[in-house]
Amino acid sequence: MDDSEAKNAGPIEPTSDLSEIAVRCAATNLLDVAAQLAGPAEDLKALAARPIEPIPTLAEPEDQPEGGFPGII
């Protein structure tokens, strides 16, 4: 970069200002992430409040035909 490019680049920010800008950007990003997680967190809370209902996986032995699973001949 030559002198003319450096003049066109604008003033140089002091390090403390850049650090402050970085902190604000990080805080904004964290707030965005928190807002995005709020929806799924509410969904999980609602799911946790519901009772777990067992799902039958196999028929009772008297309902099964001999030698196998129901529906398989």
C-alpha atoms as a PDB file:
ATOM      1  CA  MET A   1       0.000   0.000   0.000  1.00  0.00           C
ATOM      2  CA  ASP A   2       1.454   3.341  -0.988  1.00  0.00           C
ATOM      3  CA  ASP A   3       0.779   6.721   0.657  1.00  0.00           C
ATOM      4  CA  SER A   4      -2.189   7.585  -1.582  1.00  0.00           C
ATOM      5  CA  GLU A   5      -3.920   4.303  -0.680  1.00  0.00           C
ATOM      6  CA  ALA A   6      -3.257   4.875   3.008  1.00  0.00           C
ATOM      7  CA  LYS A   7      -4.861   8.341   2.833  1.00  0.00           C
ATOM      8  CA  ASN A   8      -7.936   6.925   1.077  1.00  0.00           C
ATOM      9  CA  ALA A   9      -8.300   4.135   3.648  1.00  0.00           C
ATOM     10  CA  GLY A  10      -9.527   6.596   6.284  1.00  0.00           C
ATOM     11  CA  PRO A  11      -8.340   7.333   9.766  1.00  0.00           C
ATOM     12  CA  ILE A  12      -6.710   4.637  11.839  1.00  0.00           C
ATOM     13  CA  GLU A  13      -8.865   3.601  14.802  1.00  0.00           C
ATOM     14  CA  PRO A  14      -7.123   3.405  18.173  1.00  0.00           C
ATOM     15  CA  THR A  15      -6.821  -0.122  19.487  1.00  0.00           C
ATOM     16  CA  SER A  16      -9.198   0.521  22.373  1.00  0.00           C
ATOM     17  CA  ASP A  17     -11.940   1.577  19.931  1.00  0.00           C
ATOM     18  CA  LEU A  18     -11.414  -1.559  17.863  1.00  0.00           C
ATOM     19  CA  SER A  19     -11.593  -3.685  20.989  1.00  0.00           C
ATOM     20  CA  GLU A  20     -14.825  -1.984  21.991  1.00  0.00           C
ATOM     21  CA  ILE A  21     -16.287  -2.590  18.527  1.00  0.00           C
ATOM     22  CA  ALA A  22     -15.258  -6.244  18.703  1.00  0.00           C
ATOM     23  CA  VAL A  23     -16.902  -6.603  22.115  1.00  0.00           C
ATOM     24  CA  ARG A  24     -20.140  -5.048  20.827  1.00  0.00           C
ATOM     25  CA  CYS A  25     -20.142  -7.321  17.777  1.00  0.00           C
ATOM     26  CA  ALA A  26     -19.549 -10.394  19.930  1.00  0.00           C
ATOM     27  CA  ALA A  27     -22.350  -9.369  22.304  1.00  0.00           C
ATOM     28  CA  THR A  28     -24.713  -8.829  19.376  1.00  0.00           C
ATOM     29  CA  ASN A  29     -23.806 -12.225  17.929  1.00  0.00           C
ATOM     30  CA  LEU A  30     -24.425 -13.898  21.293  1.00  0.00           C
ATOM     31  CA  LEU A  31     -27.819 -12.227  21.578  1.00  0.00           C
ATOM     32  CA  ASP A  32     -28.686 -13.444  18.074  1.00  0.00           C
ATOM     33  CA  VAL A  33     -27.704 -17.011  18.973  1.00  0.00           C
ATOM     34  CA  ALA A  34     -29.696 -16.821  22.214  1.00  0.00           C
ATOM     35  CA  ALA A  35     -32.749 -15.629  20.300  1.00  0.00           C
ATOM     36  CA  GLN A  36     -32.382 -18.485  17.808  1.00  0.00           C
ATOM     37  CA  LEU A  37     -32.119 -21.039  20.638  1.00  0.00           C
ATOM     38  CA  ALA A  38     -35.168 -19.699  22.483  1.00  0.00           C
ATOM     39  CA  GLY A  39     -37.635 -21.370  20.099  1.00  0.00           C
ATOM     40  CA  PRO A  40     -36.143 -24.874  20.285  1.00  0.00           C
ATOM     41  CA  ALA A  41     -35.748 -24.475  24.064  1.00  0.00           C
ATOM     42  CA  GLU A  42     -39.483 -23.798  24.393  1.00  0.00           C
ATOM     43  CA  ASP A  43     -40.207 -26.842  22.206  1.00  0.00           C
ATOM     44  CA  LEU A  44     -38.015 -29.028  24.412  1.00  0.00           C
ATOM     45  CA  LYS A  45     -39.691 -27.687  27.535  1.00  0.00           C
ATOM     46  CA  ALA A  46     -43.110 -28.573  26.111  1.00  0.00           C
ATOM     47  CA  LEU A  47     -41.915 -32.060  25.150  1.00  0.00           C
ATOM     48  CA  ALA A  48     -40.430 -32.632  28.597  1.00  0.00           C
ATOM     49  CA  ALA A  49     -43.793 -31.804  30.195  1.00  0.00           C
ATOM     50  CA  ARG A  50     -45.604 -34.500  28.195  1.00  0.00           C
ATOM     51  CA  PRO A  51     -45.722 -38.020  29.648  1.00  0.00           C
ATOM     52  CA  ILE A  52     -43.850 -40.713  27.799  1.00  0.00           C
ATOM     53  CA  GLU A  53     -46.230 -43.228  26.272  1.00  0.00           C
ATOM     54  CA  PRO A  54     -44.834 -46.649  25.422  1.00  0.00           C
ATOM     55  CA  ILE A  55     -45.017 -47.692  21.799  1.00  0.00           C
ATOM     56  CA  PRO A  56     -45.860 -51.360  21.326  1.00  0.00           C
ATOM     57  CA  THR A  57     -43.117 -52.997  19.329  1.00  0.00           C
ATOM     58  CA  LEU A  58     -44.261 -56.631  19.178  1.00  0.00           C
ATOM     59  CA  ALA A  59     -47.668 -58.270  19.422  1.00  0.00           C
ATOM     60  CA  GLU A  60     -48.465 -60.485  22.370  1.00  0.00           C
ATOM     61  CA  PRO A  61     -47.351 -64.128  21.868  1.00  0.00           C
ATOM     62  CA  GLU A  62     -50.937 -65.407  21.501  1.00  0.00           C
ATOM     63  CA  ASP A  63     -51.500 -62.953  18.637  1.00  0.00           C
ATOM     64  CA  GLN A  64     -48.519 -64.210  16.625  1.00  0.00           C
ATOM     65  CA  PRO A  65     -48.816 -67.031  14.135  1.00  0.00           C
ATOM     66  CA  GLU A  66     -46.544 -69.969  14.772  1.00  0.00           C
ATOM     67  CA  GLY A  67     -42.916 -69.503  13.931  1.00  0.00           C
ATOM     68  CA  GLY A  68     -42.689 -65.856  13.234  1.00  0.00           C
ATOM     69  CA  PHE A  69     -43.679 -62.294  13.279  1.00  0.00           C
ATOM     70  CA  PRO A  70     -47.196 -61.048  12.613  1.00  0.00           C
ATOM     71  CA  GLY A  71     -47.902 -60.368   8.978  1.00  0.00           C
ATOM     72  CA  ILE A  72     -45.112 -62.608   7.683  1.00  0.00           C
ATOM     73  CA  ILE A  73     -46.265 -65.844   6.083  1.00  0.00           C
END
